[in-house]
Amino acid sequence: MRRLPPHAPGMRIGLFGGTFDPPHQAHRAACLIALARLSLDRVWWLVTPGNPLKDTRGLSPLAERIATARGLAHHPRIDVSGLEAEIGARYTCDTLRYLIARCPGVRFVWIMGADNLRSFHRWQNWRAIAAMVPIAVVDRLGPSLYATAGPAGQALARVRIPETSAKTLPDRVPPAWVFLHGLKSPLSSTALRAARHRS
C-alpha cells in the first residue's frame, strides 16, 4: 500500500499539482489563500515527474524537487507528495481516479493558478477532471485578465460559483469552480528556471 498523506472521510483536501522546479513563494501563498477561503483541512502538493505539456529536459531530479518543496511549504497543513511517480500516473485525470477510489468520503478540490486555466483545455481528459472534483482557480498577475476567456473558462462558465460562496465549493457536486482573487504574484517557476539556467 502506497503511503498517502493524512486523510479521513469528511476531510476537505486541496490538491495542488506541478513540477515545482523550483517551488516558490507564490505556490505557498496560493495554497494559503485556498486553505482559508475554501475552509480546507489540508493541501497536498503533488510533485509530478514531468508535465506532459512542457519540455521536461533539464528538469531537476524528482527527489530534489520534493525536498525543496517540503522546505518551502513548511506548514502544518501542507503535505508534499511524490505520489504520481509512485503510482505511475502521467496525467491529472489518472491521479484523481486513484485518489477518489482510495479515499472514500474525502472532499477533494483541485487548485490551479489562473495560467493553468488558460491552458486547461489542452490537459488530457480535462472535462473528466472537471466532472470529478470541484476546482479552485487562484489569480496570477496578468493571466487572470484573460484566463476565464479561454476555451475551458468559457466551457465551464455556467458552473462557476461566486467568490462569496467559495467556502461551499468542497461540498458541491462537480463540475463546479470558483475564481479566487487576491494573490497577484508575478512569480513563475518557468521564469525562475530560465534565470537559473542563465546564471
N, C-alpha and C. Protein backbone atom coordinates (compact mmCIF):
# COMPACT_ATOMS: atom_id res chain seq x y z
N MET A 1 0.85 -1.20 0.00
CA MET A 1 0.00 0.00 0.00
C MET A 1 0.88 1.25 0.00
N ARG A 2 0.68 2.10 -0.98
CA ARG A 2 1.46 3.34 -1.04
C ARG A 2 0.97 4.30 0.02
N ARG A 3 1.91 5.01 0.62
CA ARG A 3 1.57 5.89 1.73
C ARG A 3 1.00 7.20 1.21
N LEU A 4 -0.23 7.48 1.61
CA LEU A 4 -0.87 8.75 1.26
C LEU A 4 -0.74 9.69 2.45
N PRO A 5 -0.71 10.99 2.21
CA PRO A 5 -0.70 11.95 3.32
C PRO A 5 -1.94 11.75 4.20
N PRO A 6 -1.95 12.32 5.41
CA PRO A 6 -3.08 12.13 6.34
C PRO A 6 -4.41 12.51 5.70
N HIS A 7 -5.41 11.65 5.88
CA HIS A 7 -6.75 11.93 5.36
C HIS A 7 -7.75 11.07 6.11
N ALA A 8 -9.01 11.46 6.05
CA ALA A 8 -10.10 10.71 6.67
C ALA A 8 -11.40 11.15 6.01
N PRO A 9 -12.40 10.27 6.02
CA PRO A 9 -13.69 10.65 5.43
C PRO A 9 -14.20 11.97 6.03
N GLY A 10 -14.73 12.83 5.16
CA GLY A 10 -15.25 14.11 5.60
C GLY A 10 -14.24 15.24 5.53
N MET A 11 -12.95 14.90 5.40
CA MET A 11 -11.94 15.97 5.30
C MET A 11 -12.03 16.68 3.97
N ARG A 12 -11.70 17.96 3.99
CA ARG A 12 -11.69 18.80 2.79
C ARG A 12 -10.22 19.03 2.42
N ILE A 13 -9.79 18.43 1.32
CA ILE A 13 -8.37 18.44 0.97
C ILE A 13 -8.16 19.05 -0.42
N GLY A 14 -7.30 20.07 -0.48
CA GLY A 14 -6.94 20.68 -1.75
C GLY A 14 -5.78 19.93 -2.38
N LEU A 15 -5.82 19.74 -3.69
CA LEU A 15 -4.75 19.08 -4.44
C LEU A 15 -4.10 20.12 -5.35
N PHE A 16 -2.79 20.26 -5.22
CA PHE A 16 -2.06 21.29 -5.96
C PHE A 16 -0.90 20.61 -6.67
N GLY A 17 -1.04 20.42 -7.98
CA GLY A 17 -0.04 19.68 -8.73
C GLY A 17 0.91 20.58 -9.50
N GLY A 18 2.10 20.06 -9.78
CA GLY A 18 3.05 20.82 -10.58
C GLY A 18 4.43 20.17 -10.55
N THR A 19 5.32 20.71 -11.37
CA THR A 19 6.69 20.19 -11.37
C THR A 19 7.49 20.79 -10.21
N PHE A 20 7.08 21.96 -9.74
CA PHE A 20 7.77 22.63 -8.63
C PHE A 20 9.28 22.69 -8.90
N ASP A 21 9.62 23.22 -10.05
CA ASP A 21 11.03 23.33 -10.43
C ASP A 21 11.37 24.76 -10.86
N PRO A 22 11.67 25.61 -9.90
CA PRO A 22 11.66 25.36 -8.46
C PRO A 22 10.32 25.75 -7.85
N PRO A 23 10.05 25.25 -6.64
CA PRO A 23 8.89 25.76 -5.90
C PRO A 23 9.18 27.20 -5.48
N HIS A 24 8.14 28.02 -5.33
CA HIS A 24 8.38 29.41 -4.93
C HIS A 24 7.25 29.90 -4.03
N GLN A 25 7.43 31.10 -3.51
CA GLN A 25 6.50 31.62 -2.51
C GLN A 25 5.08 31.78 -3.05
N ALA A 26 4.93 31.98 -4.36
CA ALA A 26 3.57 32.10 -4.91
C ALA A 26 2.81 30.78 -4.81
N HIS A 27 3.53 29.64 -4.93
CA HIS A 27 2.88 28.33 -4.73
C HIS A 27 2.30 28.27 -3.32
N ARG A 28 3.12 28.63 -2.35
CA ARG A 28 2.72 28.58 -0.94
C ARG A 28 1.57 29.57 -0.68
N ALA A 29 1.71 30.78 -1.21
CA ALA A 29 0.69 31.81 -0.99
C ALA A 29 -0.66 31.40 -1.59
N ALA A 30 -0.64 30.79 -2.78
CA ALA A 30 -1.88 30.33 -3.41
C ALA A 30 -2.57 29.30 -2.53
N CYS A 31 -1.77 28.41 -1.94
CA CYS A 31 -2.35 27.35 -1.10
C CYS A 31 -2.87 27.90 0.22
N LEU A 32 -2.21 28.90 0.76
CA LEU A 32 -2.69 29.52 1.99
C LEU A 32 -4.02 30.24 1.75
N ILE A 33 -4.14 30.88 0.57
CA ILE A 33 -5.41 31.51 0.20
C ILE A 33 -6.50 30.45 0.10
N ALA A 34 -6.18 29.33 -0.58
CA ALA A 34 -7.17 28.26 -0.75
C ALA A 34 -7.56 27.64 0.59
N LEU A 35 -6.57 27.41 1.46
CA LEU A 35 -6.85 26.84 2.79
C LEU A 35 -7.87 27.70 3.53
N ALA A 36 -7.64 29.01 3.51
CA ALA A 36 -8.52 29.93 4.25
C ALA A 36 -9.88 30.12 3.59
N ARG A 37 -9.87 30.40 2.29
CA ARG A 37 -11.11 30.79 1.62
C ARG A 37 -12.04 29.60 1.35
N LEU A 38 -11.47 28.40 1.23
CA LEU A 38 -12.29 27.22 0.96
C LEU A 38 -12.53 26.40 2.23
N SER A 39 -11.99 26.87 3.35
CA SER A 39 -12.09 26.13 4.62
C SER A 39 -11.58 24.70 4.47
N LEU A 40 -10.40 24.56 3.89
CA LEU A 40 -9.81 23.24 3.70
C LEU A 40 -9.13 22.77 4.99
N ASP A 41 -9.09 21.46 5.15
CA ASP A 41 -8.36 20.88 6.28
C ASP A 41 -6.87 20.77 5.96
N ARG A 42 -6.58 20.41 4.71
CA ARG A 42 -5.18 20.23 4.31
C ARG A 42 -5.04 20.54 2.82
N VAL A 43 -3.80 20.74 2.38
CA VAL A 43 -3.48 20.82 0.95
C VAL A 43 -2.34 19.85 0.68
N TRP A 44 -2.48 19.07 -0.38
CA TRP A 44 -1.41 18.16 -0.81
C TRP A 44 -0.75 18.74 -2.05
N TRP A 45 0.57 18.93 -1.97
CA TRP A 45 1.33 19.30 -3.16
C TRP A 45 1.72 18.01 -3.86
N LEU A 46 1.28 17.83 -5.08
CA LEU A 46 1.60 16.64 -5.86
C LEU A 46 2.72 17.00 -6.83
N VAL A 47 3.94 16.62 -6.48
CA VAL A 47 5.10 16.95 -7.31
C VAL A 47 5.19 15.92 -8.42
N THR A 48 4.93 16.37 -9.65
CA THR A 48 4.84 15.46 -10.78
C THR A 48 6.22 15.13 -11.35
N PRO A 49 6.39 13.91 -11.89
CA PRO A 49 7.67 13.58 -12.54
C PRO A 49 7.96 14.51 -13.72
N GLY A 50 6.89 14.99 -14.39
CA GLY A 50 7.08 15.90 -15.53
C GLY A 50 5.74 16.26 -16.13
N ASN A 51 5.61 17.49 -16.59
CA ASN A 51 4.37 17.97 -17.19
C ASN A 51 4.33 17.55 -18.66
N PRO A 52 3.33 16.75 -19.08
CA PRO A 52 3.25 16.31 -20.48
C PRO A 52 3.15 17.46 -21.48
N LEU A 53 2.73 18.65 -21.01
CA LEU A 53 2.57 19.79 -21.92
C LEU A 53 3.83 20.66 -21.99
N LYS A 54 4.86 20.30 -21.22
CA LYS A 54 6.06 21.13 -21.19
C LYS A 54 7.32 20.33 -21.51
N ASP A 55 8.33 21.01 -21.94
CA ASP A 55 9.63 20.40 -22.19
C ASP A 55 10.25 20.06 -20.83
N THR A 56 10.48 18.79 -20.58
CA THR A 56 10.99 18.38 -19.27
C THR A 56 12.51 18.14 -19.28
N ARG A 57 13.15 18.44 -20.40
CA ARG A 57 14.61 18.33 -20.40
C ARG A 57 15.18 19.37 -19.45
N GLY A 58 16.16 18.96 -18.66
CA GLY A 58 16.77 19.89 -17.73
C GLY A 58 16.01 20.03 -16.43
N LEU A 59 14.95 19.22 -16.27
CA LEU A 59 14.17 19.26 -15.03
C LEU A 59 15.02 18.69 -13.89
N SER A 60 14.99 19.33 -12.75
CA SER A 60 15.74 18.82 -11.59
C SER A 60 15.18 17.46 -11.18
N PRO A 61 16.02 16.60 -10.56
CA PRO A 61 15.54 15.28 -10.13
C PRO A 61 14.33 15.39 -9.19
N LEU A 62 13.42 14.43 -9.31
CA LEU A 62 12.18 14.45 -8.53
C LEU A 62 12.45 14.54 -7.03
N ALA A 63 13.37 13.73 -6.52
CA ALA A 63 13.65 13.73 -5.08
C ALA A 63 14.13 15.11 -4.61
N GLU A 64 14.90 15.76 -5.47
CA GLU A 64 15.40 17.10 -5.12
C GLU A 64 14.26 18.11 -5.09
N ARG A 65 13.34 17.99 -6.06
CA ARG A 65 12.21 18.92 -6.10
C ARG A 65 11.27 18.71 -4.91
N ILE A 66 11.07 17.45 -4.53
CA ILE A 66 10.23 17.15 -3.36
C ILE A 66 10.85 17.73 -2.10
N ALA A 67 12.16 17.53 -1.94
CA ALA A 67 12.84 18.03 -0.74
C ALA A 67 12.78 19.56 -0.66
N THR A 68 12.99 20.21 -1.81
CA THR A 68 12.95 21.68 -1.84
C THR A 68 11.53 22.17 -1.55
N ALA A 69 10.54 21.48 -2.12
CA ALA A 69 9.14 21.87 -1.90
C ALA A 69 8.77 21.72 -0.41
N ARG A 70 9.24 20.65 0.21
CA ARG A 70 8.94 20.47 1.65
C ARG A 70 9.55 21.59 2.48
N GLY A 71 10.77 21.98 2.11
CA GLY A 71 11.42 23.06 2.83
C GLY A 71 10.69 24.38 2.68
N LEU A 72 10.15 24.61 1.47
CA LEU A 72 9.45 25.87 1.22
C LEU A 72 8.04 25.86 1.83
N ALA A 73 7.33 24.75 1.70
CA ALA A 73 5.94 24.68 2.17
C ALA A 73 5.89 24.97 3.67
N HIS A 74 6.65 24.23 4.43
CA HIS A 74 6.85 24.47 5.87
C HIS A 74 5.57 24.95 6.55
N HIS A 75 4.54 24.12 6.47
CA HIS A 75 3.25 24.48 7.05
C HIS A 75 2.61 23.20 7.58
N PRO A 76 2.02 23.24 8.78
CA PRO A 76 1.46 22.02 9.37
C PRO A 76 0.33 21.38 8.57
N ARG A 77 -0.29 22.15 7.67
CA ARG A 77 -1.42 21.59 6.92
C ARG A 77 -1.12 21.43 5.42
N ILE A 78 0.15 21.58 5.03
CA ILE A 78 0.55 21.33 3.64
C ILE A 78 1.43 20.08 3.62
N ASP A 79 1.02 19.08 2.86
CA ASP A 79 1.79 17.84 2.70
C ASP A 79 2.35 17.79 1.29
N VAL A 80 3.62 17.42 1.17
CA VAL A 80 4.28 17.33 -0.14
C VAL A 80 4.46 15.86 -0.48
N SER A 81 4.00 15.46 -1.67
CA SER A 81 3.99 14.04 -2.05
C SER A 81 4.53 13.82 -3.46
N GLY A 82 5.20 12.69 -3.63
CA GLY A 82 5.64 12.25 -4.97
C GLY A 82 4.75 11.13 -5.47
N LEU A 83 3.49 11.15 -5.06
CA LEU A 83 2.55 10.08 -5.35
C LEU A 83 2.47 9.72 -6.83
N GLU A 84 2.47 10.73 -7.71
CA GLU A 84 2.26 10.45 -9.13
C GLU A 84 3.35 9.55 -9.70
N ALA A 85 4.58 9.74 -9.24
CA ALA A 85 5.68 8.87 -9.69
C ALA A 85 5.49 7.47 -9.12
N GLU A 86 5.04 7.38 -7.87
CA GLU A 86 4.85 6.08 -7.21
C GLU A 86 3.80 5.24 -7.93
N ILE A 87 2.73 5.87 -8.37
CA ILE A 87 1.63 5.11 -8.99
C ILE A 87 1.74 5.09 -10.52
N GLY A 88 2.75 5.77 -11.06
CA GLY A 88 2.95 5.78 -12.50
C GLY A 88 1.91 6.59 -13.25
N ALA A 89 1.35 7.62 -12.60
CA ALA A 89 0.34 8.45 -13.25
C ALA A 89 1.01 9.56 -14.06
N ARG A 90 0.67 9.64 -15.33
CA ARG A 90 1.24 10.69 -16.17
C ARG A 90 0.31 11.89 -16.26
N TYR A 91 -0.98 11.62 -16.06
CA TYR A 91 -1.97 12.68 -16.24
C TYR A 91 -2.78 12.90 -14.95
N THR A 92 -3.22 14.14 -14.76
CA THR A 92 -4.00 14.51 -13.59
C THR A 92 -5.26 13.65 -13.45
N CYS A 93 -5.91 13.35 -14.57
CA CYS A 93 -7.15 12.56 -14.51
C CYS A 93 -6.88 11.19 -13.89
N ASP A 94 -5.71 10.59 -14.17
CA ASP A 94 -5.38 9.29 -13.60
C ASP A 94 -5.11 9.40 -12.10
N THR A 95 -4.42 10.47 -11.70
CA THR A 95 -4.14 10.70 -10.28
C THR A 95 -5.44 10.86 -9.51
N LEU A 96 -6.37 11.63 -10.07
CA LEU A 96 -7.65 11.85 -9.39
C LEU A 96 -8.45 10.57 -9.25
N ARG A 97 -8.47 9.75 -10.30
CA ARG A 97 -9.19 8.47 -10.22
C ARG A 97 -8.61 7.61 -9.10
N TYR A 98 -7.30 7.58 -9.01
CA TYR A 98 -6.60 6.80 -7.98
C TYR A 98 -7.01 7.29 -6.58
N LEU A 99 -6.94 8.60 -6.37
CA LEU A 99 -7.22 9.16 -5.05
C LEU A 99 -8.69 9.01 -4.66
N ILE A 100 -9.59 9.26 -5.59
CA ILE A 100 -11.02 9.16 -5.29
C ILE A 100 -11.39 7.72 -4.92
N ALA A 101 -10.76 6.75 -5.61
CA ALA A 101 -11.05 5.34 -5.33
C ALA A 101 -10.52 4.91 -3.97
N ARG A 102 -9.40 5.51 -3.54
CA ARG A 102 -8.74 5.07 -2.30
C ARG A 102 -9.03 5.93 -1.08
N CYS A 103 -9.72 7.03 -1.29
CA CYS A 103 -10.01 7.93 -0.17
C CYS A 103 -11.50 8.23 -0.12
N PRO A 104 -12.33 7.20 0.12
CA PRO A 104 -13.78 7.44 0.13
C PRO A 104 -14.18 8.45 1.19
N GLY A 105 -15.08 9.34 0.80
CA GLY A 105 -15.58 10.33 1.75
C GLY A 105 -14.75 11.58 1.87
N VAL A 106 -13.54 11.58 1.27
CA VAL A 106 -12.71 12.79 1.28
C VAL A 106 -13.24 13.75 0.22
N ARG A 107 -13.34 15.02 0.58
CA ARG A 107 -13.83 16.02 -0.37
C ARG A 107 -12.62 16.73 -0.99
N PHE A 108 -12.20 16.23 -2.13
CA PHE A 108 -11.04 16.81 -2.81
C PHE A 108 -11.45 18.03 -3.63
N VAL A 109 -10.53 19.00 -3.70
CA VAL A 109 -10.67 20.18 -4.57
C VAL A 109 -9.35 20.33 -5.32
N TRP A 110 -9.42 20.49 -6.63
CA TRP A 110 -8.21 20.74 -7.41
C TRP A 110 -7.91 22.25 -7.39
N ILE A 111 -6.68 22.61 -7.05
CA ILE A 111 -6.27 24.02 -7.01
C ILE A 111 -5.33 24.27 -8.18
N MET A 112 -5.57 25.33 -8.92
CA MET A 112 -4.67 25.69 -10.02
C MET A 112 -4.54 27.20 -10.12
N GLY A 113 -3.43 27.64 -10.71
CA GLY A 113 -3.25 29.06 -10.98
C GLY A 113 -4.04 29.45 -12.22
N ALA A 114 -4.31 30.74 -12.35
CA ALA A 114 -5.09 31.23 -13.50
C ALA A 114 -4.40 30.91 -14.82
N ASP A 115 -3.06 30.84 -14.82
CA ASP A 115 -2.35 30.50 -16.05
C ASP A 115 -2.70 29.08 -16.50
N ASN A 116 -2.97 28.17 -15.53
CA ASN A 116 -3.35 26.81 -15.89
C ASN A 116 -4.78 26.74 -16.43
N LEU A 117 -5.64 27.61 -15.94
CA LEU A 117 -7.00 27.63 -16.50
C LEU A 117 -6.94 28.00 -17.98
N ARG A 118 -6.02 28.89 -18.31
CA ARG A 118 -5.89 29.33 -19.71
C ARG A 118 -5.56 28.16 -20.64
N SER A 119 -4.76 27.20 -20.14
CA SER A 119 -4.36 26.07 -20.98
C SER A 119 -5.08 24.77 -20.60
N PHE A 120 -6.07 24.87 -19.72
CA PHE A 120 -6.73 23.68 -19.19
C PHE A 120 -7.35 22.81 -20.29
N HIS A 121 -7.83 23.44 -21.35
CA HIS A 121 -8.45 22.68 -22.44
C HIS A 121 -7.46 21.77 -23.16
N ARG A 122 -6.17 21.96 -22.90
CA ARG A 122 -5.14 21.11 -23.53
C ARG A 122 -4.77 19.92 -22.63
N TRP A 123 -5.28 19.90 -21.39
CA TRP A 123 -4.98 18.79 -20.49
C TRP A 123 -5.71 17.53 -20.95
N GLN A 124 -5.09 16.38 -20.73
CA GLN A 124 -5.71 15.10 -21.05
C GLN A 124 -7.02 14.95 -20.28
N ASN A 125 -8.12 14.70 -21.01
CA ASN A 125 -9.44 14.48 -20.39
C ASN A 125 -9.85 15.60 -19.43
N TRP A 126 -9.65 16.84 -19.84
CA TRP A 126 -9.92 17.95 -18.93
C TRP A 126 -11.38 18.02 -18.50
N ARG A 127 -12.28 17.64 -19.39
CA ARG A 127 -13.70 17.66 -19.00
C ARG A 127 -13.98 16.62 -17.92
N ALA A 128 -13.29 15.48 -18.00
CA ALA A 128 -13.44 14.43 -16.98
C ALA A 128 -12.90 14.93 -15.63
N ILE A 129 -11.80 15.68 -15.66
CA ILE A 129 -11.25 16.26 -14.43
C ILE A 129 -12.28 17.17 -13.78
N ALA A 130 -12.87 18.04 -14.59
CA ALA A 130 -13.88 18.99 -14.07
C ALA A 130 -15.11 18.26 -13.52
N ALA A 131 -15.38 17.06 -14.06
CA ALA A 131 -16.53 16.29 -13.59
C ALA A 131 -16.21 15.47 -12.34
N MET A 132 -14.91 15.32 -12.03
CA MET A 132 -14.51 14.50 -10.87
C MET A 132 -14.40 15.30 -9.59
N VAL A 133 -13.85 16.52 -9.67
CA VAL A 133 -13.63 17.31 -8.45
C VAL A 133 -13.94 18.79 -8.72
N PRO A 134 -14.41 19.50 -7.70
CA PRO A 134 -14.53 20.96 -7.83
C PRO A 134 -13.13 21.56 -8.03
N ILE A 135 -13.08 22.73 -8.65
CA ILE A 135 -11.80 23.36 -8.98
C ILE A 135 -11.77 24.78 -8.41
N ALA A 136 -10.64 25.13 -7.80
CA ALA A 136 -10.41 26.50 -7.35
C ALA A 136 -9.28 27.08 -8.19
N VAL A 137 -9.53 28.20 -8.83
CA VAL A 137 -8.54 28.88 -9.65
C VAL A 137 -8.07 30.12 -8.89
N VAL A 138 -6.75 30.19 -8.64
CA VAL A 138 -6.19 31.32 -7.91
C VAL A 138 -5.54 32.28 -8.90
N ASP A 139 -5.87 33.56 -8.78
CA ASP A 139 -5.38 34.51 -9.79
C ASP A 139 -3.87 34.67 -9.75
N ARG A 140 -3.33 35.07 -10.89
CA ARG A 140 -1.91 35.37 -11.04
C ARG A 140 -1.82 36.75 -11.68
N LEU A 141 -0.72 37.41 -11.50
CA LEU A 141 -0.55 38.73 -12.10
C LEU A 141 -0.53 38.56 -13.63
N GLY A 142 -1.50 39.13 -14.31
CA GLY A 142 -1.55 39.02 -15.77
C GLY A 142 -2.55 37.98 -16.24
N PRO A 143 -2.28 36.67 -16.03
CA PRO A 143 -3.16 35.66 -16.62
C PRO A 143 -4.61 35.77 -16.22
N SER A 144 -4.92 36.28 -15.02
CA SER A 144 -6.31 36.32 -14.58
C SER A 144 -7.16 37.21 -15.47
N LEU A 145 -6.50 38.14 -16.16
CA LEU A 145 -7.25 39.07 -17.01
C LEU A 145 -7.89 38.37 -18.20
N TYR A 146 -7.26 37.29 -18.68
CA TYR A 146 -7.81 36.63 -19.86
C TYR A 146 -8.02 35.13 -19.70
N ALA A 147 -7.68 34.56 -18.53
CA ALA A 147 -7.81 33.12 -18.33
C ALA A 147 -9.25 32.65 -18.48
N THR A 148 -10.19 33.41 -17.92
CA THR A 148 -11.59 32.99 -17.97
C THR A 148 -12.17 33.09 -19.38
N ALA A 149 -11.48 33.81 -20.27
CA ALA A 149 -11.95 33.95 -21.65
C ALA A 149 -11.49 32.80 -22.53
N GLY A 150 -10.61 31.91 -22.01
CA GLY A 150 -10.11 30.78 -22.78
C GLY A 150 -11.18 29.72 -23.00
N PRO A 151 -10.87 28.70 -23.82
CA PRO A 151 -11.87 27.66 -24.12
C PRO A 151 -12.43 26.97 -22.88
N ALA A 152 -11.58 26.61 -21.90
CA ALA A 152 -12.09 25.92 -20.71
C ALA A 152 -12.91 26.86 -19.85
N GLY A 153 -12.42 28.09 -19.68
CA GLY A 153 -13.16 29.07 -18.89
C GLY A 153 -14.54 29.32 -19.45
N GLN A 154 -14.63 29.39 -20.78
CA GLN A 154 -15.92 29.60 -21.43
C GLN A 154 -16.81 28.37 -21.29
N ALA A 155 -16.21 27.19 -21.49
CA ALA A 155 -17.00 25.96 -21.43
C ALA A 155 -17.55 25.71 -20.03
N LEU A 156 -16.82 26.16 -19.01
CA LEU A 156 -17.24 25.91 -17.63
C LEU A 156 -17.91 27.12 -16.98
N ALA A 157 -18.16 28.16 -17.76
CA ALA A 157 -18.71 29.40 -17.21
C ALA A 157 -20.01 29.18 -16.44
N ARG A 158 -20.85 28.27 -16.92
CA ARG A 158 -22.17 28.09 -16.30
C ARG A 158 -22.07 27.42 -14.93
N VAL A 159 -20.93 26.78 -14.62
CA VAL A 159 -20.81 26.10 -13.31
C VAL A 159 -19.87 26.86 -12.37
N ARG A 160 -19.52 28.09 -12.75
CA ARG A 160 -18.69 28.93 -11.87
C ARG A 160 -19.57 29.48 -10.76
N ILE A 161 -19.07 29.41 -9.52
CA ILE A 161 -19.84 29.94 -8.40
C ILE A 161 -19.23 31.28 -7.98
N PRO A 162 -20.01 32.15 -7.35
CA PRO A 162 -19.46 33.44 -6.93
C PRO A 162 -18.40 33.26 -5.85
N GLU A 163 -17.42 34.14 -5.86
CA GLU A 163 -16.33 34.06 -4.90
C GLU A 163 -16.84 34.14 -3.45
N THR A 164 -17.94 34.81 -3.25
CA THR A 164 -18.51 34.92 -1.90
C THR A 164 -19.00 33.56 -1.38
N SER A 165 -19.19 32.58 -2.29
CA SER A 165 -19.64 31.24 -1.90
C SER A 165 -18.50 30.24 -1.88
N ALA A 166 -17.26 30.72 -1.90
CA ALA A 166 -16.09 29.84 -2.02
C ALA A 166 -16.06 28.73 -0.97
N LYS A 167 -16.48 29.05 0.26
CA LYS A 167 -16.43 28.05 1.34
C LYS A 167 -17.30 26.83 1.05
N THR A 168 -18.27 26.98 0.15
CA THR A 168 -19.17 25.86 -0.16
C THR A 168 -18.60 24.95 -1.24
N LEU A 169 -17.52 25.36 -1.88
CA LEU A 169 -17.01 24.62 -3.04
C LEU A 169 -16.72 23.15 -2.74
N PRO A 170 -15.99 22.82 -1.65
CA PRO A 170 -15.67 21.40 -1.42
C PRO A 170 -16.89 20.51 -1.25
N ASP A 171 -18.03 21.10 -0.88
CA ASP A 171 -19.24 20.31 -0.66
C ASP A 171 -20.10 20.19 -1.92
N ARG A 172 -19.72 20.86 -2.98
CA ARG A 172 -20.54 20.86 -4.19
C ARG A 172 -20.26 19.64 -5.07
N VAL A 173 -21.28 19.23 -5.79
CA VAL A 173 -21.13 18.15 -6.75
C VAL A 173 -20.51 18.73 -8.01
N PRO A 174 -19.36 18.19 -8.48
CA PRO A 174 -18.75 18.74 -9.68
C PRO A 174 -19.58 18.40 -10.92
N PRO A 175 -19.44 19.20 -11.97
CA PRO A 175 -18.49 20.32 -12.12
C PRO A 175 -18.94 21.58 -11.37
N ALA A 176 -17.96 22.19 -10.71
CA ALA A 176 -18.17 23.48 -10.03
C ALA A 176 -16.79 24.09 -9.82
N TRP A 177 -16.70 25.40 -9.96
CA TRP A 177 -15.40 26.04 -9.75
C TRP A 177 -15.58 27.47 -9.28
N VAL A 178 -14.50 27.98 -8.70
CA VAL A 178 -14.52 29.35 -8.21
C VAL A 178 -13.19 30.02 -8.57
N PHE A 179 -13.25 31.31 -8.79
CA PHE A 179 -12.04 32.09 -9.06
C PHE A 179 -11.71 32.88 -7.80
N LEU A 180 -10.54 32.64 -7.22
CA LEU A 180 -10.12 33.33 -6.01
C LEU A 180 -9.15 34.45 -6.34
N HIS A 181 -9.54 35.67 -6.04
CA HIS A 181 -8.68 36.82 -6.28
C HIS A 181 -7.84 37.12 -5.04
N GLY A 182 -6.80 37.90 -5.22
CA GLY A 182 -6.05 38.36 -4.07
C GLY A 182 -4.58 38.02 -4.04
N LEU A 183 -4.11 37.13 -4.95
CA LEU A 183 -2.69 36.76 -4.91
C LEU A 183 -1.84 37.74 -5.71
N LYS A 184 -2.11 37.83 -7.00
CA LYS A 184 -1.41 38.77 -7.89
C LYS A 184 0.11 38.67 -7.79
N SER A 185 0.62 37.44 -7.73
CA SER A 185 2.08 37.27 -7.67
C SER A 185 2.65 37.12 -9.07
N PRO A 186 3.76 37.80 -9.36
CA PRO A 186 4.39 37.67 -10.67
C PRO A 186 5.32 36.46 -10.75
N LEU A 187 5.52 35.75 -9.62
CA LEU A 187 6.47 34.64 -9.60
C LEU A 187 6.03 33.51 -10.52
N SER A 188 7.00 32.90 -11.19
CA SER A 188 6.73 31.81 -12.11
C SER A 188 7.90 30.83 -12.07
N SER A 189 7.61 29.54 -11.94
CA SER A 189 8.68 28.53 -11.94
C SER A 189 9.42 28.55 -13.27
N THR A 190 8.68 28.76 -14.38
CA THR A 190 9.32 28.78 -15.69
C THR A 190 10.36 29.89 -15.77
N ALA A 191 9.98 31.08 -15.29
CA ALA A 191 10.91 32.22 -15.32
C ALA A 191 12.08 31.99 -14.38
N LEU A 192 11.81 31.43 -13.20
CA LEU A 192 12.89 31.16 -12.25
C LEU A 192 13.85 30.11 -12.78
N ARG A 193 13.29 29.11 -13.48
CA ARG A 193 14.14 28.05 -14.07
C ARG A 193 15.01 28.63 -15.16
N ALA A 194 14.44 29.52 -15.98
CA ALA A 194 15.22 30.15 -17.06
C ALA A 194 16.35 30.99 -16.48
N ALA A 195 16.06 31.70 -15.40
CA ALA A 195 17.10 32.52 -14.75
C ALA A 195 18.18 31.64 -14.16
N ARG A 196 17.79 30.48 -13.64
CA ARG A 196 18.76 29.56 -13.06
C ARG A 196 19.71 29.05 -14.15
N HIS A 197 19.16 28.76 -15.33
CA HIS A 197 19.99 28.25 -16.43
C HIS A 197 20.90 29.34 -17.00
N ARG A 198 20.45 30.59 -16.90
CA ARG A 198 21.27 31.69 -17.42
C ARG A 198 22.46 31.98 -16.51
N SER A 199 22.28 31.70 -15.20
CA SER A 199 23.34 32.07 -14.24
C SER A 199 24.50 31.08 -14.25
